[in-house]
PDB file of N, CA and C in Angstrom:
ATOM      1  N   MET A   1      15.111 -16.655  15.286  1.00  0.00           N
ATOM      2  CA  MET A   1      14.046 -16.706  16.262  1.00  0.00           C
ATOM      3  C   MET A   1      12.704 -16.568  15.545  1.00  0.00           C
ATOM      4  N   LYS A   2      11.736 -17.363  15.970  1.00  0.00           N
ATOM      5  CA  LYS A   2      10.412 -17.334  15.384  1.00  0.00           C
ATOM      6  C   LYS A   2       9.726 -16.002  15.695  1.00  0.00           C
ATOM      7  N   ASP A   3       9.000 -15.471  14.704  1.00  0.00           N
ATOM      8  CA  ASP A   3       8.249 -14.236  14.932  1.00  0.00           C
ATOM      9  C   ASP A   3       7.189 -14.474  16.001  1.00  0.00           C
ATOM     10  N   ALA A   4       6.993 -13.500  16.864  1.00  0.00           N
ATOM     11  CA  ALA A   4       5.986 -13.595  17.918  1.00  0.00           C
ATOM     12  C   ALA A   4       4.590 -13.594  17.301  1.00  0.00           C
ATOM     13  N   ARG A   5       3.690 -14.314  17.938  1.00  0.00           N
ATOM     14  CA  ARG A   5       2.299 -14.333  17.498  1.00  0.00           C
ATOM     15  C   ARG A   5       1.674 -12.951  17.693  1.00  0.00           C
ATOM     16  N   THR A   6       0.728 -12.635  16.839  1.00  0.00           N
ATOM     17  CA  THR A   6      -0.005 -11.379  16.982  1.00  0.00           C
ATOM     18  C   THR A   6      -0.979 -11.505  18.150  1.00  0.00           C
ATOM     19  N   ALA A   7      -1.508 -10.357  18.581  1.00  0.00           N
ATOM     20  CA  ALA A   7      -2.518 -10.373  19.643  1.00  0.00           C
ATOM     21  C   ALA A   7      -3.725 -11.202  19.212  1.00  0.00           C
ATOM     22  N   ALA A   8      -4.127 -11.086  17.948  1.00  0.00           N
ATOM     23  CA  ALA A   8      -5.268 -11.857  17.446  1.00  0.00           C
ATOM     24  C   ALA A   8      -4.972 -13.357  17.491  1.00  0.00           C
ATOM     25  N   GLU A   9      -3.755 -13.756  17.155  1.00  0.00           N
ATOM     26  CA  GLU A   9      -3.386 -15.178  17.194  1.00  0.00           C
ATOM     27  C   GLU A   9      -3.371 -15.708  18.617  1.00  0.00           C
ATOM     28  N   VAL A  10      -2.840 -14.930  19.548  1.00  0.00           N
ATOM     29  CA  VAL A  10      -2.822 -15.339  20.956  1.00  0.00           C
ATOM     30  C   VAL A  10      -4.250 -15.462  21.464  1.00  0.00           C
ATOM     31  N   PHE A  11      -5.087 -14.482  21.139  1.00  0.00           N
ATOM     32  CA  PHE A  11      -6.470 -14.509  21.594  1.00  0.00           C
ATOM     33  C   PHE A  11      -7.210 -15.714  21.022  1.00  0.00           C
ATOM     34  N   ALA A  12      -6.989 -16.042  19.756  1.00  0.00           N
ATOM     35  CA  ALA A  12      -7.627 -17.215  19.146  1.00  0.00           C
ATOM     36  C   ALA A  12      -7.184 -18.492  19.858  1.00  0.00           C
ATOM     37  N   SER A  13      -5.899 -18.610  20.137  1.00  0.00           N
ATOM     38  CA  SER A  13      -5.371 -19.767  20.866  1.00  0.00           C
ATOM     39  C   SER A  13      -5.991 -19.851  22.259  1.00  0.00           C
ATOM     40  N   HIS A  14      -6.115 -18.711  22.900  1.00  0.00           N
ATOM     41  CA  HIS A  14      -6.686 -18.628  24.241  1.00  0.00           C
ATOM     42  C   HIS A  14      -8.144 -19.090  24.234  1.00  0.00           C
ATOM     43  N   GLY A  15      -8.900 -18.643  23.253  1.00  0.00           N
ATOM     44  CA  GLY A  15     -10.306 -19.031  23.152  1.00  0.00           C
ATOM     45  C   GLY A  15     -10.480 -20.524  22.937  1.00  0.00           C
ATOM     46  N   GLU A  16      -9.652 -21.116  22.073  1.00  0.00           N
ATOM     47  CA  GLU A  16      -9.712 -22.562  21.833  1.00  0.00           C
ATOM     48  C   GLU A  16      -9.377 -23.333  23.105  1.00  0.00           C
ATOM     49  N   ALA A  17      -8.350 -22.911  23.809  1.00  0.00           N
ATOM     50  CA  ALA A  17      -7.935 -23.588  25.040  1.00  0.00           C
ATOM     51  C   ALA A  17      -8.988 -23.441  26.134  1.00  0.00           C
ATOM     52  N   LEU A  18      -9.637 -22.277  26.194  1.00  0.00           N
ATOM     53  CA  LEU A  18     -10.692 -22.065  27.183  1.00  0.00           C
ATOM     54  C   LEU A  18     -11.842 -23.027  26.933  1.00  0.00           C
ATOM     55  N   GLY A  19     -12.290 -23.125  25.701  1.00  0.00           N
ATOM     56  CA  GLY A  19     -13.386 -24.033  25.364  1.00  0.00           C
ATOM     57  C   GLY A  19     -13.066 -25.485  25.666  1.00  0.00           C
ATOM     58  N   ALA A  20     -11.808 -25.851  25.521  1.00  0.00           N
ATOM     59  CA  ALA A  20     -11.365 -27.223  25.791  1.00  0.00           C
ATOM     60  C   ALA A  20     -11.003 -27.447  27.262  1.00  0.00           C
ATOM     61  N   GLU A  21     -11.029 -26.384  28.052  1.00  0.00           N
ATOM     62  CA  GLU A  21     -10.592 -26.427  29.458  1.00  0.00           C
ATOM     63  C   GLU A  21      -9.177 -27.029  29.565  1.00  0.00           C
ATOM     64  N   ASP A  22      -8.312 -26.586  28.670  1.00  0.00           N
ATOM     65  CA  ASP A  22      -6.935 -27.073  28.586  1.00  0.00           C
ATOM     66  C   ASP A  22      -6.014 -26.133  29.383  1.00  0.00           C
ATOM     67  N   LEU A  23      -5.764 -26.486  30.637  1.00  0.00           N
ATOM     68  CA  LEU A  23      -4.961 -25.628  31.516  1.00  0.00           C
ATOM     69  C   LEU A  23      -3.551 -25.405  30.986  1.00  0.00           C
ATOM     70  N   ASP A  24      -2.941 -26.429  30.415  1.00  0.00           N
ATOM     71  CA  ASP A  24      -1.575 -26.274  29.903  1.00  0.00           C
ATOM     72  C   ASP A  24      -1.525 -25.284  28.746  1.00  0.00           C
ATOM     73  N   ALA A  25      -2.468 -25.401  27.818  1.00  0.00           N
ATOM     74  CA  ALA A  25      -2.493 -24.483  26.677  1.00  0.00           C
ATOM     75  C   ALA A  25      -2.827 -23.061  27.134  1.00  0.00           C
ATOM     76  N   LEU A  26      -3.749 -22.930  28.084  1.00  0.00           N
ATOM     77  CA  LEU A  26      -4.090 -21.602  28.601  1.00  0.00           C
ATOM     78  C   LEU A  26      -2.874 -20.938  29.234  1.00  0.00           C
ATOM     79  N   THR A  27      -2.201 -21.641  30.122  1.00  0.00           N
ATOM     80  CA  THR A  27      -1.075 -21.032  30.823  1.00  0.00           C
ATOM     81  C   THR A  27       0.100 -20.782  29.886  1.00  0.00           C
ATOM     82  N   ALA A  28       0.229 -21.570  28.834  1.00  0.00           N
ATOM     83  CA  ALA A  28       1.307 -21.349  27.866  1.00  0.00           C
ATOM     84  C   ALA A  28       1.168 -20.011  27.155  1.00  0.00           C
ATOM     85  N   ASN A  29      -0.043 -19.450  27.126  1.00  0.00           N
ATOM     86  CA  ASN A  29      -0.263 -18.159  26.477  1.00  0.00           C
ATOM     87  C   ASN A  29       0.176 -16.980  27.339  1.00  0.00           C
ATOM     88  N   PHE A  30       0.545 -17.224  28.596  1.00  0.00           N
ATOM     89  CA  PHE A  30       0.919 -16.148  29.519  1.00  0.00           C
ATOM     90  C   PHE A  30       2.430 -16.015  29.628  1.00  0.00           C
ATOM     91  N   ALA A  31       2.900 -14.790  29.772  1.00  0.00           N
ATOM     92  CA  ALA A  31       4.321 -14.535  30.017  1.00  0.00           C
ATOM     93  C   ALA A  31       4.694 -15.026  31.414  1.00  0.00           C
ATOM     94  N   ASP A  32       5.966 -15.325  31.605  1.00  0.00           N
ATOM     95  CA  ASP A  32       6.448 -15.787  32.913  1.00  0.00           C
ATOM     96  C   ASP A  32       6.186 -14.770  34.011  1.00  0.00           C
ATOM     97  N   ASP A  33       6.157 -13.487  33.654  1.00  0.00           N
ATOM     98  CA  ASP A  33       5.949 -12.434  34.652  1.00  0.00           C
ATOM     99  C   ASP A  33       4.599 -11.736  34.480  1.00  0.00           C
ATOM    100  N   ALA A  34       3.633 -12.436  33.881  1.00  0.00           N
ATOM    101  CA  ALA A  34       2.302 -11.862  33.665  1.00  0.00           C
ATOM    102  C   ALA A  34       1.648 -11.481  34.991  1.00  0.00           C
ATOM    103  N   VAL A  35       0.728 -10.532  34.904  1.00  0.00           N
ATOM    104  CA  VAL A  35      -0.051 -10.090  36.058  1.00  0.00           C
ATOM    105  C   VAL A  35      -1.523 -10.324  35.738  1.00  0.00           C
ATOM    106  N   ILE A  36      -2.237 -11.015  36.643  1.00  0.00           N
ATOM    107  CA  ILE A  36      -3.658 -11.275  36.497  1.00  0.00           C
ATOM    108  C   ILE A  36      -4.348 -10.618  37.684  1.00  0.00           C
ATOM    109  N   ILE A  37      -5.229  -9.655  37.398  1.00  0.00           N
ATOM    110  CA  ILE A  37      -5.892  -8.898  38.453  1.00  0.00           C
ATOM    111  C   ILE A  37      -7.377  -9.258  38.455  1.00  0.00           C
ATOM    112  N   THR A  38      -7.866  -9.690  39.628  1.00  0.00           N
ATOM    113  CA  THR A  38      -9.267 -10.043  39.808  1.00  0.00           C
ATOM    114  C   THR A  38      -9.772  -9.386  41.092  1.00  0.00           C
ATOM    115  N   PRO A  39     -11.079  -9.395  41.331  1.00  0.00           N
ATOM    116  CA  PRO A  39     -11.573  -8.872  42.604  1.00  0.00           C
ATOM    117  C   PRO A  39     -11.006  -9.621  43.818  1.00  0.00           C
ATOM    118  N   ALA A  40     -10.561 -10.865  43.611  1.00  0.00           N
ATOM    119  CA  ALA A  40      -9.988 -11.656  44.709  1.00  0.00           C
ATOM    120  C   ALA A  40      -8.521 -11.330  44.968  1.00  0.00           C
ATOM    121  N   GLY A  41      -7.907 -10.522  44.093  1.00  0.00           N
ATOM    122  CA  GLY A  41      -6.506 -10.158  44.295  1.00  0.00           C
ATOM    123  C   GLY A  41      -5.689 -10.285  43.031  1.00  0.00           C
ATOM    124  N   VAL A  42      -4.379 -10.181  43.203  1.00  0.00           N
ATOM    125  CA  VAL A  42      -3.438 -10.210  42.091  1.00  0.00           C
ATOM    126  C   VAL A  42      -2.695 -11.542  42.104  1.00  0.00           C
ATOM    127  N   LYS A  43      -2.631 -12.163  40.930  1.00  0.00           N
ATOM    128  CA  LYS A  43      -1.844 -13.387  40.748  1.00  0.00           C
ATOM    129  C   LYS A  43      -0.774 -13.081  39.711  1.00  0.00           C
ATOM    130  N   ARG A  44       0.307 -13.829  39.773  1.00  0.00           N
ATOM    131  CA  ARG A  44       1.438 -13.529  38.885  1.00  0.00           C
ATOM    132  C   ARG A  44       1.950 -14.781  38.177  1.00  0.00           C
ATOM    133  N   GLY A  45       2.395 -14.558  36.956  1.00  0.00           N
ATOM    134  CA  GLY A  45       3.069 -15.587  36.185  1.00  0.00           C
ATOM    135  C   GLY A  45       2.153 -16.699  35.709  1.00  0.00           C
ATOM    136  N   LYS A  46       2.783 -17.708  35.133  1.00  0.00           N
ATOM    137  CA  LYS A  46       2.040 -18.849  34.607  1.00  0.00           C
ATOM    138  C   LYS A  46       1.293 -19.576  35.715  1.00  0.00           C
ATOM    139  N   GLU A  47       1.902 -19.686  36.895  1.00  0.00           N
ATOM    140  CA  GLU A  47       1.230 -20.371  38.002  1.00  0.00           C
ATOM    141  C   GLU A  47       0.008 -19.581  38.464  1.00  0.00           C
ATOM    142  N   GLY A  48       0.099 -18.278  38.494  1.00  0.00           N
ATOM    143  CA  GLY A  48      -1.053 -17.450  38.832  1.00  0.00           C
ATOM    144  C   GLY A  48      -2.166 -17.591  37.811  1.00  0.00           C
ATOM    145  N   ALA A  49      -1.794 -17.657  36.534  1.00  0.00           N
ATOM    146  CA  ALA A  49      -2.787 -17.867  35.481  1.00  0.00           C
ATOM    147  C   ALA A  49      -3.462 -19.218  35.659  1.00  0.00           C
ATOM    148  N   ARG A  50      -2.672 -20.244  35.943  1.00  0.00           N
ATOM    149  CA  ARG A  50      -3.236 -21.586  36.161  1.00  0.00           C
ATOM    150  C   ARG A  50      -4.223 -21.552  37.331  1.00  0.00           C
ATOM    151  N   GLU A  51      -3.848 -20.933  38.443  1.00  0.00           N
ATOM    152  CA  GLU A  51      -4.743 -20.839  39.602  1.00  0.00           C
ATOM    153  C   GLU A  51      -6.043 -20.132  39.216  1.00  0.00           C
ATOM    154  N   ASN A  52      -5.931 -19.079  38.431  1.00  0.00           N
ATOM    155  CA  ASN A  52      -7.098 -18.331  37.992  1.00  0.00           C
ATOM    156  C   ASN A  52      -8.051 -19.218  37.185  1.00  0.00           C
ATOM    157  N   PHE A  53      -7.497 -20.025  36.266  1.00  0.00           N
ATOM    158  CA  PHE A  53      -8.350 -20.873  35.433  1.00  0.00           C
ATOM    159  C   PHE A  53      -8.892 -22.076  36.192  1.00  0.00           C
ATOM    160  N   VAL A  54      -8.149 -22.589  37.147  1.00  0.00           N
ATOM    161  CA  VAL A  54      -8.690 -23.652  38.002  1.00  0.00           C
ATOM    162  C   VAL A  54      -9.941 -23.131  38.706  1.00  0.00           C
ATOM    163  N   GLN A  55      -9.868 -21.902  39.225  1.00  0.00           N
ATOM    164  CA  GLN A  55     -11.040 -21.310  39.887  1.00  0.00           C
ATOM    165  C   GLN A  55     -12.185 -21.100  38.900  1.00  0.00           C
ATOM    166  N   LEU A  56     -11.878 -20.587  37.710  1.00  0.00           N
ATOM    167  CA  LEU A  56     -12.906 -20.359  36.702  1.00  0.00           C
ATOM    168  C   LEU A  56     -13.619 -21.664  36.354  1.00  0.00           C
ATOM    169  N   PHE A  57     -12.862 -22.743  36.142  1.00  0.00           N
ATOM    170  CA  PHE A  57     -13.474 -24.012  35.770  1.00  0.00           C
ATOM    171  C   PHE A  57     -14.186 -24.677  36.946  1.00  0.00           C
ATOM    172  N   THR A  58     -13.788 -24.337  38.173  1.00  0.00           N
ATOM    173  CA  THR A  58     -14.531 -24.786  39.350  1.00  0.00           C
ATOM    174  C   THR A  58     -15.869 -24.050  39.413  1.00  0.00           C
ATOM    175  N   ASP A  59     -15.835 -22.750  39.141  1.00  0.00           N
ATOM    176  CA  ASP A  59     -17.059 -21.950  39.137  1.00  0.00           C
ATOM    177  C   ASP A  59     -17.981 -22.317  37.977  1.00  0.00           C
ATOM    178  N   LEU A  60     -17.388 -22.589  36.814  1.00  0.00           N
ATOM    179  CA  LEU A  60     -18.148 -22.786  35.576  1.00  0.00           C
ATOM    180  C   LEU A  60     -17.665 -24.030  34.830  1.00  0.00           C
ATOM    181  N   PRO A  61     -17.915 -25.216  35.381  1.00  0.00           N
ATOM    182  CA  PRO A  61     -17.436 -26.430  34.707  1.00  0.00           C
ATOM    183  C   PRO A  61     -18.160 -26.668  33.381  1.00  0.00           C
ATOM    184  N   GLN A  62     -17.391 -26.987  32.364  1.00  0.00           N
ATOM    185  CA  GLN A  62     -17.905 -27.290  31.022  1.00  0.00           C
ATOM    186  C   GLN A  62     -18.921 -26.241  30.573  1.00  0.00           C
ATOM    187  N   ALA A  63     -18.552 -25.002  30.703  1.00  0.00           N
ATOM    188  CA  ALA A  63     -19.449 -23.874  30.422  1.00  0.00           C
ATOM    189  C   ALA A  63     -19.698 -23.699  28.932  1.00  0.00           C
ATOM    190  N   GLN A  64     -20.833 -23.109  28.657  1.00  0.00           N
ATOM    191  CA  GLN A  64     -21.158 -22.606  27.325  1.00  0.00           C
ATOM    192  C   GLN A  64     -20.906 -21.104  27.383  1.00  0.00           C
ATOM    193  N   TRP A  65     -19.982 -20.613  26.554  1.00  0.00           N
ATOM    194  CA  TRP A  65     -19.540 -19.219  26.594  1.00  0.00           C
ATOM    195  C   TRP A  65     -20.293 -18.406  25.555  1.00  0.00           C
ATOM    196  N   ASP A  66     -20.709 -17.210  25.944  1.00  0.00           N
ATOM    197  CA  ASP A  66     -21.392 -16.289  25.048  1.00  0.00           C
ATOM    198  C   ASP A  66     -20.626 -14.970  25.072  1.00  0.00           C
ATOM    199  N   MET A  67     -19.860 -14.729  24.010  1.00  0.00           N
ATOM    200  CA  MET A  67     -19.094 -13.494  23.911  1.00  0.00           C
ATOM    201  C   MET A  67     -20.008 -12.384  23.408  1.00  0.00           C
ATOM    202  N   LYS A  68     -20.252 -11.407  24.266  1.00  0.00           N
ATOM    203  CA  LYS A  68     -21.139 -10.295  23.930  1.00  0.00           C
ATOM    204  C   LYS A  68     -20.389  -9.217  23.153  1.00  0.00           C
ATOM    205  N   THR A  69     -19.157  -8.933  23.553  1.00  0.00           N
ATOM    206  CA  THR A  69     -18.336  -7.907  22.916  1.00  0.00           C
ATOM    207  C   THR A  69     -16.902  -8.404  22.858  1.00  0.00           C
ATOM    208  N   THR A  70     -16.281  -8.263  21.712  1.00  0.00           N
ATOM    209  CA  THR A  70     -14.857  -8.539  21.552  1.00  0.00           C
ATOM    210  C   THR A  70     -14.265  -7.384  20.767  1.00  0.00           C
ATOM    211  N   GLU A  71     -13.375  -6.637  21.397  1.00  0.00           N
ATOM    212  CA  GLU A  71     -12.715  -5.508  20.736  1.00  0.00           C
ATOM    213  C   GLU A  71     -11.211  -5.687  20.834  1.00  0.00           C
ATOM    214  N   LEU A  72     -10.543  -5.579  19.707  1.00  0.00           N
ATOM    215  CA  LEU A  72      -9.087  -5.696  19.641  1.00  0.00           C
ATOM    216  C   LEU A  72      -8.542  -4.383  19.105  1.00  0.00           C
ATOM    217  N   ALA A  73      -7.654  -3.763  19.884  1.00  0.00           N
ATOM    218  CA  ALA A  73      -7.009  -2.519  19.466  1.00  0.00           C
ATOM    219  C   ALA A  73      -5.519  -2.657  19.740  1.00  0.00           C
ATOM    220  N   GLY A  74      -4.768  -2.922  18.682  1.00  0.00           N
ATOM    221  CA  GLY A  74      -3.322  -3.102  18.856  1.00  0.00           C
ATOM    222  C   GLY A  74      -3.037  -4.319  19.713  1.00  0.00           C
ATOM    223  N   ASP A  75      -2.439  -4.100  20.874  1.00  0.00           N
ATOM    224  CA  ASP A  75      -2.078  -5.221  21.743  1.00  0.00           C
ATOM    225  C   ASP A  75      -3.038  -5.377  22.926  1.00  0.00           C
ATOM    226  N   ILE A  76      -4.228  -4.760  22.834  1.00  0.00           N
ATOM    227  CA  ILE A  76      -5.212  -4.839  23.912  1.00  0.00           C
ATOM    228  C   ILE A  76      -6.485  -5.490  23.396  1.00  0.00           C
ATOM    229  N   VAL A  77      -7.004  -6.436  24.168  1.00  0.00           N
ATOM    230  CA  VAL A  77      -8.269  -7.100  23.856  1.00  0.00           C
ATOM    231  C   VAL A  77      -9.226  -6.842  25.009  1.00  0.00           C
ATOM    232  N   PHE A  78     -10.446  -6.432  24.667  1.00  0.00           N
ATOM    233  CA  PHE A  78     -11.501  -6.196  25.656  1.00  0.00           C
ATOM    234  C   PHE A  78     -12.653  -7.144  25.356  1.00  0.00           C
ATOM    235  N   LEU A  79     -13.145  -7.828  26.403  1.00  0.00           N
ATOM    236  CA  LEU A  79     -14.252  -8.778  26.257  1.00  0.00           C
ATOM    237  C   LEU A  79     -15.360  -8.483  27.248  1.00  0.00           C
ATOM    238  N   GLU A  80     -16.588  -8.681  26.802  1.00  0.00           N
ATOM    239  CA  GLU A  80     -17.734  -8.776  27.692  1.00  0.00           C
ATOM    240  C   GLU A  80     -18.362 -10.136  27.379  1.00  0.00           C
ATOM    241  N   TRP A  81     -18.719 -10.880  28.428  1.00  0.00           N
ATOM    242  CA  TRP A  81     -19.186 -12.240  28.201  1.00  0.00           C
ATOM    243  C   TRP A  81     -20.148 -12.708  29.287  1.00  0.00           C
ATOM    244  N   GLU A  82     -20.835 -13.799  28.964  1.00  0.00           N
ATOM    245  CA  GLU A  82     -21.654 -14.537  29.905  1.00  0.00           C
ATOM    246  C   GLU A  82     -21.371 -16.005  29.694  1.00  0.00           C
ATOM    247  N   ALA A  83     -21.700 -16.824  30.690  1.00  0.00           N
ATOM    248  CA  ALA A  83     -21.486 -18.259  30.562  1.00  0.00           C
ATOM    249  C   ALA A  83     -22.531 -19.000  31.388  1.00  0.00           C
ATOM    250  N   THR A  84     -22.861 -20.193  30.923  1.00  0.00           N
ATOM    251  CA  THR A  84     -23.763 -21.065  31.671  1.00  0.00           C
ATOM    252  C   THR A  84     -23.081 -22.411  31.863  1.00  0.00           C
ATOM    253  N   SER A  85     -23.317 -23.004  33.022  1.00  0.00           N
ATOM    254  CA  SER A  85     -22.796 -24.341  33.301  1.00  0.00           C
ATOM    255  C   SER A  85     -23.812 -25.060  34.176  1.00  0.00           C
ATOM    256  N   SER A  86     -23.553 -26.315  34.451  1.00  0.00           N
ATOM    257  CA  SER A  86     -24.462 -27.091  35.297  1.00  0.00           C
ATOM    258  C   SER A  86     -24.443 -26.596  36.739  1.00  0.00           C
ATOM    259  N   LYS A  87     -23.394 -25.930  37.129  1.00  0.00           N
ATOM    260  CA  LYS A  87     -23.231 -25.476  38.515  1.00  0.00           C
ATOM    261  C   LYS A  87     -23.676 -24.034  38.719  1.00  0.00           C
ATOM    262  N   ASN A  88     -23.218 -23.132  37.863  1.00  0.00           N
ATOM    263  CA  ASN A  88     -23.476 -21.699  37.995  1.00  0.00           C
ATOM    264  C   ASN A  88     -23.695 -21.071  36.632  1.00  0.00           C
ATOM    265  N   ASN A  89     -24.261 -19.882  36.658  1.00  0.00           N
ATOM    266  CA  ASN A  89     -24.288 -18.997  35.499  1.00  0.00           C
ATOM    267  C   ASN A  89     -23.417 -17.795  35.836  1.00  0.00           C
ATOM    268  N   ALA A  90     -22.748 -17.263  34.842  1.00  0.00           N
ATOM    269  CA  ALA A  90     -21.939 -16.052  35.021  1.00  0.00           C
ATOM    270  C   ALA A  90     -22.511 -14.951  34.147  1.00  0.00           C
ATOM    271  N   THR A  91     -22.674 -13.782  34.751  1.00  0.00           N
ATOM    272  CA  THR A  91     -23.108 -12.606  34.006  1.00  0.00           C
ATOM    273  C   THR A  91     -22.112 -11.486  34.265  1.00  0.00           C
ATOM    274  N   HIS A  92     -22.207 -10.463  33.466  1.00  0.00           N
ATOM    275  CA  HIS A  92     -21.349  -9.280  33.619  1.00  0.00           C
ATOM    276  C   HIS A  92     -19.864  -9.637  33.595  1.00  0.00           C
ATOM    277  N   GLY A  93     -19.496 -10.645  32.807  1.00  0.00           N
ATOM    278  CA  GLY A  93     -18.090 -11.002  32.659  1.00  0.00           C
ATOM    279  C   GLY A  93     -17.367  -9.949  31.837  1.00  0.00           C
ATOM    280  N   VAL A  94     -16.254  -9.477  32.360  1.00  0.00           N
ATOM    281  CA  VAL A  94     -15.435  -8.484  31.665  1.00  0.00           C
ATOM    282  C   VAL A  94     -13.969  -8.864  31.836  1.00  0.00           C
ATOM    283  N   ASP A  95     -13.264  -8.967  30.725  1.00  0.00           N
ATOM    284  CA  ASP A  95     -11.828  -9.231  30.733  1.00  0.00           C
ATOM    285  C   ASP A  95     -11.140  -8.193  29.862  1.00  0.00           C
ATOM    286  N   THR A  96      -9.934  -7.841  30.243  1.00  0.00           N
ATOM    287  CA  THR A  96      -9.043  -7.051  29.403  1.00  0.00           C
ATOM    288  C   THR A  96      -7.696  -7.758  29.393  1.00  0.00           C
ATOM    289  N   PHE A  97      -7.118  -7.892  28.211  1.00  0.00           N
ATOM    290  CA  PHE A  97      -5.812  -8.518  28.044  1.00  0.00           C
ATOM    291  C   PHE A  97      -4.856  -7.527  27.411  1.00  0.00           C
ATOM    292  N   VAL A  98      -3.615  -7.538  27.857  1.00  0.00           N
ATOM    293  CA  VAL A  98      -2.529  -6.838  27.180  1.00  0.00           C
ATOM    294  C   VAL A  98      -1.610  -7.935  26.656  1.00  0.00           C
ATOM    295  N   ILE A  99      -1.447  -7.955  25.331  1.00  0.00           N
ATOM    296  CA  ILE A  99      -0.682  -9.024  24.673  1.00  0.00           C
ATOM    297  C   ILE A  99       0.486  -8.391  23.939  1.00  0.00           C
ATOM    298  N   ARG A 100       1.696  -8.766  24.351  1.00  0.00           N
ATOM    299  CA  ARG A 100       2.914  -8.270  23.699  1.00  0.00           C
ATOM    300  C   ARG A 100       3.898  -9.420  23.544  1.00  0.00           C
ATOM    301  N   ASP A 101       4.703  -9.343  22.510  1.00  0.00           N
ATOM    302  CA  ASP A 101       5.737 -10.355  22.263  1.00  0.00           C
ATOM    303  C   ASP A 101       5.150 -11.759  22.223  1.00  0.00           C
ATOM    304  N   GLY A 102       3.919 -11.876  21.712  1.00  0.00           N
ATOM    305  CA  GLY A 102       3.304 -13.181  21.513  1.00  0.00           C
ATOM    306  C   GLY A 102       2.747 -13.839  22.762  1.00  0.00           C
ATOM    307  N   LEU A 103       2.656 -13.084  23.870  1.00  0.00           N
ATOM    308  CA  LEU A 103       2.164 -13.649  25.128  1.00  0.00           C
ATOM    309  C   LEU A 103       1.282 -12.643  25.856  1.00  0.00           C
ATOM    310  N   ILE A 104       0.394 -13.167  26.698  1.00  0.00           N
ATOM    311  CA  ILE A 104      -0.426 -12.304  27.539  1.00  0.00           C
ATOM    312  C   ILE A 104       0.462 -11.788  28.662  1.00  0.00           C
ATOM    313  N   GLN A 105       0.584 -10.464  28.725  1.00  0.00           N
ATOM    314  CA  GLN A 105       1.403  -9.816  29.747  1.00  0.00           C
ATOM    315  C   GLN A 105       0.573  -9.444  30.969  1.00  0.00           C
ATOM    316  N   ALA A 106      -0.707  -9.093  30.717  1.00  0.00           N
ATOM    317  CA  ALA A 106      -1.590  -8.682  31.804  1.00  0.00           C
ATOM    318  C   ALA A 106      -3.023  -9.038  31.445  1.00  0.00           C
ATOM    319  N   GLN A 107      -3.802  -9.361  32.470  1.00  0.00           N
ATOM    320  CA  GLN A 107      -5.223  -9.627  32.306  1.00  0.00           C
ATOM    321  C   GLN A 107      -5.963  -9.092  33.518  1.00  0.00           C
ATOM    322  N   THR A 108      -7.110  -8.489  33.264  1.00  0.00           N
ATOM    323  CA  THR A 108      -8.052  -8.212  34.336  1.00  0.00           C
ATOM    324  C   THR A 108      -9.291  -9.049  34.044  1.00  0.00           C
ATOM    325  N   VAL A 109      -9.951  -9.517  35.098  1.00  0.00           N
ATOM    326  CA  VAL A 109     -11.151 -10.328  34.912  1.00  0.00           C
ATOM    327  C   VAL A 109     -12.105 -10.121  36.079  1.00  0.00           C
ATOM    328  N   ARG A 110     -13.387 -10.064  35.730  1.00  0.00           N
ATOM    329  CA  ARG A 110     -14.437  -9.950  36.736  1.00  0.00           C
ATOM    330  C   ARG A 110     -15.698 -10.579  36.157  1.00  0.00           C
ATOM    331  N   TYR A 111     -16.443 -11.318  37.000  1.00  0.00           N
ATOM    332  CA  TYR A 111     -17.733 -11.857  36.611  1.00  0.00           C
ATOM    333  C   TYR A 111     -18.583 -12.072  37.846  1.00  0.00           C
ATOM    334  N   ALA A 112     -19.900 -12.109  37.666  1.00  0.00           N
ATOM    335  CA  ALA A 112     -20.840 -12.341  38.757  1.00  0.00           C
ATOM    336  C   ALA A 112     -21.450 -13.728  38.590  1.00  0.00           C
ATOM    337  N   LEU A 113     -21.440 -14.520  39.659  1.00  0.00           N
ATOM    338  CA  LEU A 113     -21.980 -15.881  39.625  1.00  0.00           C
ATOM    339  C   LEU A 113     -23.358 -15.952  40.256  1.00  0.00           C
ATOM    340  N   THR A 114     -24.209 -16.756  39.637  1.00  0.00           N
ATOM    341  CA  THR A 114     -25.513 -17.085  40.188  1.00  0.00           C
ATOM    342  C   THR A 114     -25.626 -18.608  40.168  1.00  0.00           C
ATOM    343  N   PRO A 115     -25.792 -19.233  41.335  1.00  0.00           N
ATOM    344  CA  PRO A 115     -25.924 -20.696  41.366  1.00  0.00           C
ATOM    345  C   PRO A 115     -27.191 -21.150  40.643  1.00  0.00           C
ATOM    346  N   ASN A 116     -27.097 -22.288  39.983  1.00  0.00           N
ATOM    347  CA  ASN A 116     -28.282 -22.895  39.396  1.00  0.00           C
ATOM    348  C   ASN A 116     -29.092 -23.555  40.491  1.00  0.00           C
ATOM    349  N   ALA A 117     -30.400 -23.461  40.373  1.00  0.00           N
ATOM    350  CA  ALA A 117     -31.288 -24.033  41.403  1.00  0.00           C
ATOM    351  C   ALA A 117     -31.371 -25.540  41.292  1.00  0.00           C
TER     352      ALA A 117
END
C-alpha cells in the first residue's frame, strides 16, 4: 500500500486545486466520511465538500487569493485569508483542516462577503 500523503502534501494539493477551481481534485483530497462545518451548516463526505466548493466559486469566481496566515501543526492546518473576484470580495476568511491518513477528515470555514459595486 502506498504511504499516505503528509498534511503538508495534502494542503499543497488542495491549494493548487483551489487556484485552478478544479472540483474533482479538491474533492479527491477529502475522506469519504469528512465533515465540513460552515455557518450555513454541516456537510459530509466528498459530495458535501463538492457542494461547499461550488458555493465558494459561486461567491468568488476566478478569485485572487491572499493567504494572511498559514500554520501547520502536525495534522492540523489553520488559515486566515482574503480573496477578490469580479463578483465579491471576501474578508476575514478562516479555515481549519484536520488531515489524517493522507486526506482531509474535517474542515471548518468562514468568510465575510462584500459585493463589488
